[in-house]
C-alpha atoms as a PDB file:
ATOM      1  CA  MET A   1     -20.178  16.575  33.536  1.00  0.00           C
ATOM      2  CA  SER A   2     -16.953  17.085  31.574  1.00  0.00           C
ATOM      3  CA  ALA A   3     -15.574  13.794  32.884  1.00  0.00           C
ATOM      4  CA  VAL A   4     -18.732  12.012  31.743  1.00  0.00           C
ATOM      5  CA  ASN A   5     -18.438  13.535  28.279  1.00  0.00           C
ATOM      6  CA  ASP A   6     -14.741  12.586  28.005  1.00  0.00           C
ATOM      7  CA  THR A   7     -15.567   9.001  28.952  1.00  0.00           C
ATOM      8  CA  LYS A   8     -18.369   8.933  26.392  1.00  0.00           C
ATOM      9  CA  PHE A   9     -16.203  10.141  23.518  1.00  0.00           C
ATOM     10  CA  ASN A  10     -13.146   8.091  24.467  1.00  0.00           C
ATOM     11  CA  SER A  11     -15.249   4.882  24.426  1.00  0.00           C
ATOM     12  CA  VAL A  12     -16.777   5.568  21.005  1.00  0.00           C
ATOM     13  CA  VAL A  13     -16.779   2.675  18.541  1.00  0.00           C
ATOM     14  CA  PHE A  14     -16.978   2.667  14.769  1.00  0.00           C
ATOM     15  CA  PHE A  15     -18.957   0.172  12.697  1.00  0.00           C
ATOM     16  CA  LEU A  16     -17.213  -1.258   9.665  1.00  0.00           C
ATOM     17  CA  THR A  17     -19.088  -2.357   6.549  1.00  0.00           C
ATOM     18  CA  GLY A  18     -18.741  -5.330   4.244  1.00  0.00           C
ATOM     19  CA  ILE A  19     -20.494  -5.269   0.876  1.00  0.00           C
ATOM     20  CA  PRO A  20     -23.796  -3.401   1.315  1.00  0.00           C
ATOM     21  CA  GLY A  21     -26.897  -5.444   0.521  1.00  0.00           C
ATOM     22  CA  GLN A  22     -24.969  -8.729   0.499  1.00  0.00           C
ATOM     23  CA  GLU A  23     -24.990  -9.464   4.235  1.00  0.00           C
ATOM     24  CA  ASP A  24     -26.791 -12.800   3.726  1.00  0.00           C
ATOM     25  CA  ILE A  25     -23.913 -14.208   1.669  1.00  0.00           C
ATOM     26  CA  HIS A  26     -20.998 -12.708   3.607  1.00  0.00           C
ATOM     27  CA  LEU A  27     -19.894 -16.200   4.620  1.00  0.00           C
ATOM     28  CA  TRP A  28     -19.640 -17.214   0.969  1.00  0.00           C
ATOM     29  CA  ILE A  29     -17.862 -13.984   0.107  1.00  0.00           C
ATOM     30  CA  SER A  30     -15.301 -14.808   2.812  1.00  0.00           C
ATOM     31  CA  ILE A  31     -14.092 -17.828   0.791  1.00  0.00           C
ATOM     32  CA  PRO A  32     -12.310 -15.835  -1.968  1.00  0.00           C
ATOM     33  CA  PHE A  33     -10.986 -13.405   0.652  1.00  0.00           C
ATOM     34  CA  CYS A  34      -9.518 -16.274   2.701  1.00  0.00           C
ATOM     35  CA  PHE A  35      -8.074 -17.761  -0.483  1.00  0.00           C
ATOM     36  CA  MET A  36      -6.474 -14.447  -1.468  1.00  0.00           C
ATOM     37  CA  TYR A  37      -4.992 -13.924   1.997  1.00  0.00           C
ATOM     38  CA  ALA A  38      -3.610 -17.476   2.122  1.00  0.00           C
ATOM     39  CA  ILE A  39      -2.027 -17.282  -1.355  1.00  0.00           C
ATOM     40  CA  SER A  40      -0.634 -13.790  -0.679  1.00  0.00           C
ATOM     41  CA  ILE A  41       0.919 -14.699   2.671  1.00  0.00           C
ATOM     42  CA  VAL A  42       2.403 -17.950   1.353  1.00  0.00           C
ATOM     43  CA  GLY A  43       3.647 -16.314  -1.862  1.00  0.00           C
ATOM     44  CA  ASN A  44       5.393 -13.392  -0.167  1.00  0.00           C
ATOM     45  CA  SER A  45       6.792 -15.635   2.571  1.00  0.00           C
ATOM     46  CA  VAL A  46       8.233 -18.017  -0.027  1.00  0.00           C
ATOM     47  CA  ILE A  47       9.802 -15.079  -1.889  1.00  0.00           C
ATOM     48  CA  LEU A  48      11.466 -13.932   1.356  1.00  0.00           C
ATOM     49  CA  PHE A  49      12.627 -17.464   2.185  1.00  0.00           C
ATOM     50  CA  ILE A  50      14.162 -18.063  -1.247  1.00  0.00           C
ATOM     51  CA  ILE A  51      15.968 -14.721  -1.286  1.00  0.00           C
ATOM     52  CA  LYS A  52      17.275 -15.220   2.259  1.00  0.00           C
ATOM     53  CA  THR A  53      18.549 -18.780   1.730  1.00  0.00           C
ATOM     54  CA  ASP A  54      20.053 -18.383  -1.757  1.00  0.00           C
ATOM     55  CA  PRO A  55      23.302 -16.337  -1.643  1.00  0.00           C
ATOM     56  CA  SER A  56      23.170 -15.790  -5.413  1.00  0.00           C
ATOM     57  CA  LEU A  57      20.031 -13.677  -4.875  1.00  0.00           C
ATOM     58  CA  HIS A  58      21.688 -11.277  -2.437  1.00  0.00           C
ATOM     59  CA  GLU A  59      21.698  -8.635  -5.141  1.00  0.00           C
ATOM     60  CA  PRO A  60      20.062  -5.182  -5.137  1.00  0.00           C
ATOM     61  CA  MET A  61      17.086  -6.166  -7.296  1.00  0.00           C
ATOM     62  CA  TYR A  62      16.135  -9.097  -5.066  1.00  0.00           C
ATOM     63  CA  ILE A  63      16.799  -7.198  -1.846  1.00  0.00           C
ATOM     64  CA  PHE A  64      14.374  -4.519  -3.022  1.00  0.00           C
ATOM     65  CA  LEU A  65      11.923  -7.291  -3.912  1.00  0.00           C
ATOM     66  CA  SER A  66      12.194  -8.653  -0.369  1.00  0.00           C
ATOM     67  CA  MET A  67      11.424  -5.154   0.954  1.00  0.00           C
ATOM     68  CA  LEU A  68       8.328  -5.084  -1.256  1.00  0.00           C
ATOM     69  CA  ALA A  69       7.265  -8.495   0.064  1.00  0.00           C
ATOM     70  CA  ILE A  70       7.658  -7.319   3.681  1.00  0.00           C
ATOM     71  CA  ALA A  71       5.520  -4.245   2.995  1.00  0.00           C
ATOM     72  CA  ASP A  72       2.872  -6.438   1.344  1.00  0.00           C
ATOM     73  CA  LEU A  73       2.841  -8.805   4.317  1.00  0.00           C
ATOM     74  CA  GLY A  74       2.433  -5.820   6.629  1.00  0.00           C
ATOM     75  CA  LEU A  75      -0.607  -4.608   4.662  1.00  0.00           C
ATOM     76  CA  LEU A  76      -2.143  -8.080   4.801  1.00  0.00           C
ATOM     77  CA  ILE A  77      -1.656  -8.308   8.561  1.00  0.00           C
ATOM     78  CA  ALA A  78      -3.050  -4.791   9.096  1.00  0.00           C
ATOM     79  CA  THR A  79      -6.285  -5.445   7.184  1.00  0.00           C
ATOM     80  CA  MET A  80      -6.905  -9.167   7.704  1.00  0.00           C
ATOM     81  CA  PRO A  81      -8.447  -9.049  11.252  1.00  0.00           C
ATOM     82  CA  THR A  82     -11.206  -6.590  10.352  1.00  0.00           C
ATOM     83  CA  ILE A  83     -11.955  -7.827   6.816  1.00  0.00           C
ATOM     84  CA  LEU A  84     -12.199 -11.502   7.757  1.00  0.00           C
ATOM     85  CA  GLY A  85     -13.861 -10.583  11.060  1.00  0.00           C
ATOM     86  CA  ILE A  86     -16.750  -8.993   9.160  1.00  0.00           C
ATOM     87  CA  TYR A  87     -17.252 -11.766   6.607  1.00  0.00           C
ATOM     88  CA  LEU A  88     -16.626 -14.755   8.874  1.00  0.00           C
ATOM     89  CA  PHE A  89     -18.009 -13.610  12.232  1.00  0.00           C
ATOM     90  CA  ASN A  90     -20.074 -10.489  11.417  1.00  0.00           C
ATOM     91  CA  SER A  91     -17.801  -8.580  13.813  1.00  0.00           C
ATOM     92  CA  ARG A  92     -18.294  -4.989  12.714  1.00  0.00           C
ATOM     93  CA  GLU A  93     -17.300  -2.998  15.797  1.00  0.00           C
ATOM     94  CA  ILE A  94     -13.860  -1.454  16.088  1.00  0.00           C
ATOM     95  CA  SER A  95     -12.702   0.686  18.983  1.00  0.00           C
ATOM     96  CA  LEU A  96     -11.304   4.170  18.584  1.00  0.00           C
ATOM     97  CA  ASP A  97      -7.755   3.060  19.466  1.00  0.00           C
ATOM     98  CA  ALA A  98      -7.866   0.045  17.142  1.00  0.00           C
ATOM     99  CA  CYS A  99      -9.167   2.263  14.340  1.00  0.00           C
ATOM    100  CA  PHE A 100      -6.387   4.792  14.881  1.00  0.00           C
ATOM    101  CA  THR A 101      -3.855   1.942  14.867  1.00  0.00           C
ATOM    102  CA  GLN A 102      -5.067   0.959  11.403  1.00  0.00           C
ATOM    103  CA  LEU A 103      -4.960   4.613  10.366  1.00  0.00           C
ATOM    104  CA  LEU A 104      -1.268   4.618  11.299  1.00  0.00           C
ATOM    105  CA  PHE A 105      -0.136   1.282   9.875  1.00  0.00           C
ATOM    106  CA  ILE A 106      -2.088   1.088   6.607  1.00  0.00           C
ATOM    107  CA  PRO A 107      -1.012   4.503   5.201  1.00  0.00           C
ATOM    108  CA  SER A 108       2.527   4.004   6.550  1.00  0.00           C
ATOM    109  CA  LEU A 109       2.883   0.653   4.811  1.00  0.00           C
ATOM    110  CA  GLN A 110       1.413   2.086   1.610  1.00  0.00           C
ATOM    111  CA  CYS A 111       3.919   4.932   1.756  1.00  0.00           C
ATOM    112  CA  ILE A 112       6.750   2.442   2.386  1.00  0.00           C
ATOM    113  CA  GLU A 113       5.619   0.311  -0.564  1.00  0.00           C
ATOM    114  CA  SER A 114       5.482   3.391  -2.786  1.00  0.00           C
ATOM    115  CA  SER A 115       9.021   4.296  -1.701  1.00  0.00           C
ATOM    116  CA  VAL A 116      10.259   0.755  -2.394  1.00  0.00           C
ATOM    117  CA  LEU A 117       8.741   0.852  -5.886  1.00  0.00           C
ATOM    118  CA  LEU A 118      10.648   4.108  -6.443  1.00  0.00           C
ATOM    119  CA  LEU A 119      13.880   2.436  -5.277  1.00  0.00           C
ATOM    120  CA  MET A 120      13.218  -0.454  -7.656  1.00  0.00           C
ATOM    121  CA  ALA A 121      12.817   2.038 -10.500  1.00  0.00           C
ATOM    122  CA  PHE A 122      16.143   3.596  -9.473  1.00  0.00           C
ATOM    123  CA  ASP A 123      17.678   0.115  -9.455  1.00  0.00           C
ATOM    124  CA  ARG A 124      16.508  -0.527 -13.041  1.00  0.00           C
ATOM    125  CA  PHE A 125      17.742   2.928 -14.104  1.00  0.00           C
ATOM    126  CA  ILE A 126      21.247   2.292 -12.740  1.00  0.00           C
ATOM    127  CA  ALA A 127      21.366  -1.266 -14.146  1.00  0.00           C
ATOM    128  CA  ILE A 128      20.468  -0.133 -17.677  1.00  0.00           C
ATOM    129  CA  CYS A 129      22.016   3.331 -17.883  1.00  0.00           C
ATOM    130  CA  TYR A 130      25.184   2.749 -15.802  1.00  0.00           C
ATOM    131  CA  PRO A 131      25.779  -1.039 -15.853  1.00  0.00           C
ATOM    132  CA  LEU A 132      29.530  -0.774 -15.151  1.00  0.00           C
ATOM    133  CA  ARG A 133      28.918   1.275 -11.988  1.00  0.00           C
ATOM    134  CA  TYR A 134      25.916  -0.750 -10.804  1.00  0.00           C
ATOM    135  CA  ALA A 135      27.736  -2.751  -8.128  1.00  0.00           C
ATOM    136  CA  SER A 136      29.665   0.263  -6.816  1.00  0.00           C
ATOM    137  CA  ILE A 137      26.554   2.482  -6.564  1.00  0.00           C
ATOM    138  CA  LEU A 138      24.110  -0.015  -5.036  1.00  0.00           C
ATOM    139  CA  THR A 139      26.204  -1.518  -2.267  1.00  0.00           C
ATOM    140  CA  LEU A 140      24.580  -3.491   0.557  1.00  0.00           C
ATOM    141  CA  PRO A 141      25.191  -0.787   3.220  1.00  0.00           C
ATOM    142  CA  ARG A 142      23.706   1.850   0.920  1.00  0.00           C
ATOM    143  CA  ILE A 143      20.669  -0.349   0.203  1.00  0.00           C
ATOM    144  CA  GLY A 144      20.184  -0.816   3.954  1.00  0.00           C
ATOM    145  CA  LYS A 145      20.199   2.952   4.454  1.00  0.00           C
ATOM    146  CA  MET A 146      17.696   3.380   1.628  1.00  0.00           C
ATOM    147  CA  GLY A 147      15.386   0.863   3.258  1.00  0.00           C
ATOM    148  CA  LEU A 148      15.664   2.669   6.592  1.00  0.00           C
ATOM    149  CA  VAL A 149      14.817   5.981   4.922  1.00  0.00           C
ATOM    150  CA  CYS A 150      11.725   4.370   3.354  1.00  0.00           C
ATOM    151  CA  VAL A 151      10.493   3.227   6.775  1.00  0.00           C
ATOM    152  CA  LEU A 152      11.243   6.535   8.494  1.00  0.00           C
ATOM    153  CA  ARG A 153       9.600   8.469   5.682  1.00  0.00           C
ATOM    154  CA  GLY A 154       6.461   6.333   5.836  1.00  0.00           C
ATOM    155  CA  VAL A 155       6.118   6.698   9.600  1.00  0.00           C
ATOM    156  CA  ALA A 156       6.999  10.413   9.673  1.00  0.00           C
ATOM    157  CA  VAL A 157       4.532  11.328   6.917  1.00  0.00           C
ATOM    158  CA  THR A 158       1.566   9.337   8.261  1.00  0.00           C
ATOM    159  CA  LEU A 159       2.049   9.584  12.038  1.00  0.00           C
ATOM    160  CA  PRO A 160       0.313  13.006  12.239  1.00  0.00           C
ATOM    161  CA  LEU A 161      -2.866  11.520  10.706  1.00  0.00           C
ATOM    162  CA  PRO A 162      -4.067   9.589  13.791  1.00  0.00           C
ATOM    163  CA  ILE A 163      -2.562  12.199  16.139  1.00  0.00           C
ATOM    164  CA  LEU A 164      -4.629  14.967  14.535  1.00  0.00           C
ATOM    165  CA  LEU A 165      -7.754  12.795  14.678  1.00  0.00           C
ATOM    166  CA  LYS A 166      -7.138  11.786  18.290  1.00  0.00           C
ATOM    167  CA  ARG A 167      -7.809  15.324  19.525  1.00  0.00           C
ATOM    168  CA  PHE A 168     -11.350  15.369  18.111  1.00  0.00           C
ATOM    169  CA  ARG A 169     -14.642  14.275  19.601  1.00  0.00           C
ATOM    170  CA  TYR A 170     -16.894  12.092  17.459  1.00  0.00           C
ATOM    171  CA  CYS A 171     -20.633  12.707  17.524  1.00  0.00           C
ATOM    172  CA  ARG A 172     -21.752  12.004  13.949  1.00  0.00           C
ATOM    173  CA  ASP A 173     -22.655   8.851  12.048  1.00  0.00           C
ATOM    174  CA  ASN A 174     -19.975   6.343  13.033  1.00  0.00           C
ATOM    175  CA  VAL A 175     -20.438   3.839  10.173  1.00  0.00           C
ATOM    176  CA  VAL A 176     -17.379   3.384   7.923  1.00  0.00           C
ATOM    177  CA  SER A 177     -18.203   2.223   4.391  1.00  0.00           C
ATOM    178  CA  HIS A 178     -15.092  -0.001   4.270  1.00  0.00           C
ATOM    179  CA  SER A 179     -13.960  -3.130   6.095  1.00  0.00           C
ATOM    180  CA  TYR A 180     -11.088  -1.168   7.629  1.00  0.00           C
ATOM    181  CA  CYS A 181     -10.652   2.389   8.896  1.00  0.00           C
ATOM    182  CA  VAL A 182     -10.148   5.051   6.248  1.00  0.00           C
ATOM    183  CA  HIS A 183      -8.791   8.476   7.181  1.00  0.00           C
ATOM    184  CA  ASN A 184     -11.181  10.478   4.996  1.00  0.00           C
ATOM    185  CA  GLU A 185     -14.283   8.846   6.469  1.00  0.00           C
ATOM    186  CA  VAL A 186     -13.200   8.870  10.119  1.00  0.00           C
ATOM    187  CA  MET A 187     -12.208  12.518   9.738  1.00  0.00           C
ATOM    188  CA  LYS A 188     -15.719  13.472   8.565  1.00  0.00           C
ATOM    189  CA  MET A 189     -17.276  11.884  11.674  1.00  0.00           C
ATOM    190  CA  ALA A 190     -15.625  14.442  13.959  1.00  0.00           C
ATOM    191  CA  CYS A 191     -17.790  17.256  15.305  1.00  0.00           C
ATOM    192  CA  SER A 192     -14.946  19.774  14.876  1.00  0.00           C
ATOM    193  CA  ASP A 193     -13.229  21.807  12.188  1.00  0.00           C
ATOM    194  CA  ILE A 194     -11.337  19.294  10.006  1.00  0.00           C
ATOM    195  CA  THR A 195      -9.703  21.770   7.616  1.00  0.00           C
ATOM    196  CA  VAL A 196      -6.165  20.993   8.839  1.00  0.00           C
ATOM    197  CA  ASN A 197      -6.768  17.262   8.600  1.00  0.00           C
ATOM    198  CA  ASN A 198      -8.186  17.602   5.095  1.00  0.00           C
ATOM    199  CA  ILE A 199      -5.200  19.632   3.885  1.00  0.00           C
ATOM    200  CA  TYR A 200      -2.662  17.321   5.511  1.00  0.00           C
ATOM    201  CA  GLY A 201      -4.398  14.214   4.153  1.00  0.00           C
ATOM    202  CA  LEU A 202      -4.186  15.668   0.644  1.00  0.00           C
ATOM    203  CA  PHE A 203      -0.539  16.605   1.270  1.00  0.00           C
ATOM    204  CA  THR A 204       0.352  13.011   2.232  1.00  0.00           C
ATOM    205  CA  LYS A 205      -1.314  11.678  -0.931  1.00  0.00           C
ATOM    206  CA  LEU A 206       0.550  14.155  -3.122  1.00  0.00           C
ATOM    207  CA  LEU A 207       3.848  13.446  -1.366  1.00  0.00           C
ATOM    208  CA  MET A 208       3.420   9.693  -1.568  1.00  0.00           C
ATOM    209  CA  MET A 209       1.507   8.988  -4.773  1.00  0.00           C
ATOM    210  CA  GLY A 210       2.262  12.180  -6.668  1.00  0.00           C
ATOM    211  CA  LEU A 211       5.996  12.594  -6.079  1.00  0.00           C
ATOM    212  CA  ASP A 212       6.896   8.895  -6.210  1.00  0.00           C
ATOM    213  CA  SER A 213       4.880   8.189  -9.354  1.00  0.00           C
ATOM    214  CA  LEU A 214       6.365  11.266 -11.042  1.00  0.00           C
ATOM    215  CA  LEU A 215       9.925  10.166 -10.236  1.00  0.00           C
ATOM    216  CA  ILE A 216       9.177   6.623 -11.421  1.00  0.00           C
ATOM    217  CA  PHE A 217       7.804   8.043 -14.677  1.00  0.00           C
ATOM    218  CA  LEU A 218      10.894  10.204 -15.171  1.00  0.00           C
ATOM    219  CA  SER A 219      13.212   7.257 -14.504  1.00  0.00           C
ATOM    220  CA  TYR A 220      11.462   5.227 -17.192  1.00  0.00           C
ATOM    221  CA  VAL A 221      11.620   8.125 -19.630  1.00  0.00           C
ATOM    222  CA  MET A 222      15.412   8.123 -19.194  1.00  0.00           C
ATOM    223  CA  ILE A 223      15.531   4.307 -19.394  1.00  0.00           C
ATOM    224  CA  LEU A 224      13.523   4.368 -22.625  1.00  0.00           C
ATOM    225  CA  LYS A 225      15.809   7.031 -24.064  1.00  0.00           C
ATOM    226  CA  ILE A 226      18.871   4.872 -23.383  1.00  0.00           C
ATOM    227  CA  VAL A 227      17.243   1.645 -24.588  1.00  0.00           C
ATOM    228  CA  LEU A 228      16.093   3.181 -27.879  1.00  0.00           C
ATOM    229  CA  SER A 229      19.661   4.250 -28.573  1.00  0.00           C
ATOM    230  CA  ILE A 230      20.801   0.615 -28.507  1.00  0.00           C
ATOM    231  CA  THR A 231      21.358  -0.544 -32.067  1.00  0.00           C
ATOM    232  CA  SER A 232      20.846  -4.247 -31.372  1.00  0.00           C
ATOM    233  CA  HIS A 233      17.126  -5.129 -31.366  1.00  0.00           C
ATOM    234  CA  THR A 234      17.784  -8.199 -29.194  1.00  0.00           C
ATOM    235  CA  GLU A 235      19.696  -6.218 -26.576  1.00  0.00           C
ATOM    236  CA  CYS A 236      16.981  -3.567 -26.600  1.00  0.00           C
ATOM    237  CA  LEU A 237      14.262  -6.138 -25.858  1.00  0.00           C
ATOM    238  CA  ARG A 238      16.412  -7.809 -23.216  1.00  0.00           C
ATOM    239  CA  ALA A 239      16.897  -4.517 -21.395  1.00  0.00           C
ATOM    240  CA  LEU A 240      13.178  -3.715 -21.516  1.00  0.00           C
ATOM    241  CA  ASN A 241      12.306  -7.239 -20.354  1.00  0.00           C
ATOM    242  CA  THR A 242      14.105  -6.622 -17.064  1.00  0.00           C
ATOM    243  CA  CYS A 243      11.619  -3.821 -16.331  1.00  0.00           C
ATOM    244  CA  VAL A 244       8.381  -5.686 -17.054  1.00  0.00           C
ATOM    245  CA  SER A 245       7.913  -7.108 -13.563  1.00  0.00           C
ATOM    246  CA  HIS A 246       8.491  -3.743 -11.933  1.00  0.00           C
ATOM    247  CA  LEU A 247       6.115  -1.976 -14.330  1.00  0.00           C
ATOM    248  CA  CYS A 248       3.407  -4.541 -13.484  1.00  0.00           C
ATOM    249  CA  ALA A 249       3.976  -3.939  -9.758  1.00  0.00           C
ATOM    250  CA  VAL A 250       3.776  -0.160 -10.280  1.00  0.00           C
ATOM    251  CA  LEU A 251       0.500  -0.415 -12.222  1.00  0.00           C
ATOM    252  CA  LEU A 252      -0.997  -2.834  -9.672  1.00  0.00           C
ATOM    253  CA  PHE A 253      -0.190  -0.449  -6.833  1.00  0.00           C
ATOM    254  CA  TYR A 254      -0.803   3.024  -8.254  1.00  0.00           C
ATOM    255  CA  THR A 255      -3.832   2.470 -10.513  1.00  0.00           C
ATOM    256  CA  PRO A 256      -6.364   1.490  -7.794  1.00  0.00           C
ATOM    257  CA  ALA A 257      -4.743   3.763  -5.207  1.00  0.00           C
ATOM    258  CA  ILE A 258      -5.008   6.867  -7.393  1.00  0.00           C
ATOM    259  CA  GLY A 259      -8.534   5.922  -8.476  1.00  0.00           C
ATOM    260  CA  LEU A 260      -9.555   5.475  -4.838  1.00  0.00           C
ATOM    261  CA  SER A 261      -8.047   8.829  -3.904  1.00  0.00           C
ATOM    262  CA  VAL A 262      -9.986  10.570  -6.696  1.00  0.00           C
ATOM    263  CA  ILE A 263     -13.256   8.929  -5.613  1.00  0.00           C
ATOM    264  CA  HIS A 264     -12.620   9.904  -1.990  1.00  0.00           C
ATOM    265  CA  ARG A 265     -12.265  13.527  -2.981  1.00  0.00           C
ATOM    266  CA  PHE A 266     -15.138  13.845  -5.430  1.00  0.00           C
ATOM    267  CA  ARG A 267     -17.727  11.252  -4.397  1.00  0.00           C
ATOM    268  CA  GLU A 268     -20.754  13.014  -2.976  1.00  0.00           C
ATOM    269  CA  GLY A 269     -24.022  11.116  -2.688  1.00  0.00           C
ATOM    270  CA  SER A 270     -23.133   8.512  -5.335  1.00  0.00           C
ATOM    271  CA  SER A 271     -23.029   4.759  -4.746  1.00  0.00           C
ATOM    272  CA  PRO A 272     -20.178   3.680  -2.443  1.00  0.00           C
ATOM    273  CA  MET A 273     -19.743   0.385  -4.328  1.00  0.00           C
ATOM    274  CA  PRO A 274     -16.937   1.542  -6.729  1.00  0.00           C
ATOM    275  CA  GLU A 275     -15.032   2.951  -3.743  1.00  0.00           C
ATOM    276  CA  ILE A 276     -15.463  -0.294  -1.782  1.00  0.00           C
ATOM    277  CA  ILE A 277     -14.343  -2.482  -4.692  1.00  0.00           C
ATOM    278  CA  LEU A 278     -11.310  -0.267  -5.422  1.00  0.00           C
ATOM    279  CA  GLY A 279     -10.457  -0.346  -1.717  1.00  0.00           C
ATOM    280  CA  TYR A 280     -10.317  -4.149  -1.743  1.00  0.00           C
ATOM    281  CA  ILE A 281      -8.334  -4.160  -4.985  1.00  0.00           C
ATOM    282  CA  SER A 282      -5.753  -1.680  -3.646  1.00  0.00           C
ATOM    283  CA  MET A 283      -5.291  -3.683  -0.435  1.00  0.00           C
ATOM    284  CA  LEU A 284      -5.414  -7.280  -1.662  1.00  0.00           C
ATOM    285  CA  VAL A 285      -4.435  -7.453  -5.336  1.00  0.00           C
ATOM    286  CA  PRO A 286      -0.829  -6.086  -5.180  1.00  0.00           C
ATOM    287  CA  PRO A 287       0.248  -8.486  -2.368  1.00  0.00           C
ATOM    288  CA  LEU A 288      -1.419 -11.327  -4.281  1.00  0.00           C
ATOM    289  CA  MET A 289      -0.013 -10.556  -7.734  1.00  0.00           C
ATOM    290  CA  ASN A 290       3.504  -9.265  -6.974  1.00  0.00           C
ATOM    291  CA  PRO A 291       4.950 -12.704  -6.032  1.00  0.00           C
ATOM    292  CA  ILE A 292       3.238 -14.270  -9.062  1.00  0.00           C
ATOM    293  CA  VAL A 293       4.525 -11.626 -11.498  1.00  0.00           C
ATOM    294  CA  TYR A 294       8.101 -11.776 -10.209  1.00  0.00           C
ATOM    295  CA  SER A 295       8.096 -15.582 -10.064  1.00  0.00           C
ATOM    296  CA  VAL A 296       6.924 -15.824 -13.670  1.00  0.00           C
ATOM    297  CA  LYS A 297       9.436 -13.264 -14.959  1.00  0.00           C
ATOM    298  CA  SER A 298      12.472 -14.352 -12.912  1.00  0.00           C
ATOM    299  CA  LYS A 299      14.034 -17.713 -13.664  1.00  0.00           C
ATOM    300  CA  HIS A 300      15.892 -17.551 -10.321  1.00  0.00           C
ATOM    301  CA  LEU A 301      12.579 -17.542  -8.414  1.00  0.00           C
END
């Protein structure tokens, strides 16, 4: 009997959801999604190609930008099969293992992107506050080590999420209100005590969103303090102008992500539509807009 039960729970599937009540027009809804994916993939790929082939762009700022583009491409690849599968082919089922794979890669890539945005803030801080030491501080070997730390941090922080969920059995409603697996929802489908998972999930959000956003804020406070001490109005504006692209990327990433986290924690019985819309924005808008913002603001790109 135990073997039968194990087989039953190991073969459980989850059902993903598109936009509730709009199933009849899912095929039409797929058109803007396909457009966004195509533009995002092409835009980030072009950014990577230009930076790789142009030796004059092998500078810290552009290397960090290439890291951001790689993280964005990873997020697109992690979410594209299930999102387009729902809207193009009405393919809603996802196996337990495939769901846990998304639960590993999506938070990991989000954590990596958050770390890269922090490194980009550090880059702007060094460039404005210590311009004479910029090249000696941000050397290529040091940048490579920073990138490796970002990846290791992302994997180390999020790897326990699917591992903790893997030990549970799932006997409750197995319908996910998103087009991809979300830790908070999958966790609540387990017929076990999820206290540890709930605490650790909150810990990862605070470590990723909370700590990184706080450090980015502090770096810009120090940048603003230095910039305001510059007597020349032109030089002051020029220094601030170098930060505009990064500030746009920070707002595009953190605003929907923090809003989604708040809704996850406090939504009880209300309409899932705001959560669904914010979920799509947090996944698709930053990879779409980052190449556009940096291309507009950088004459080299």
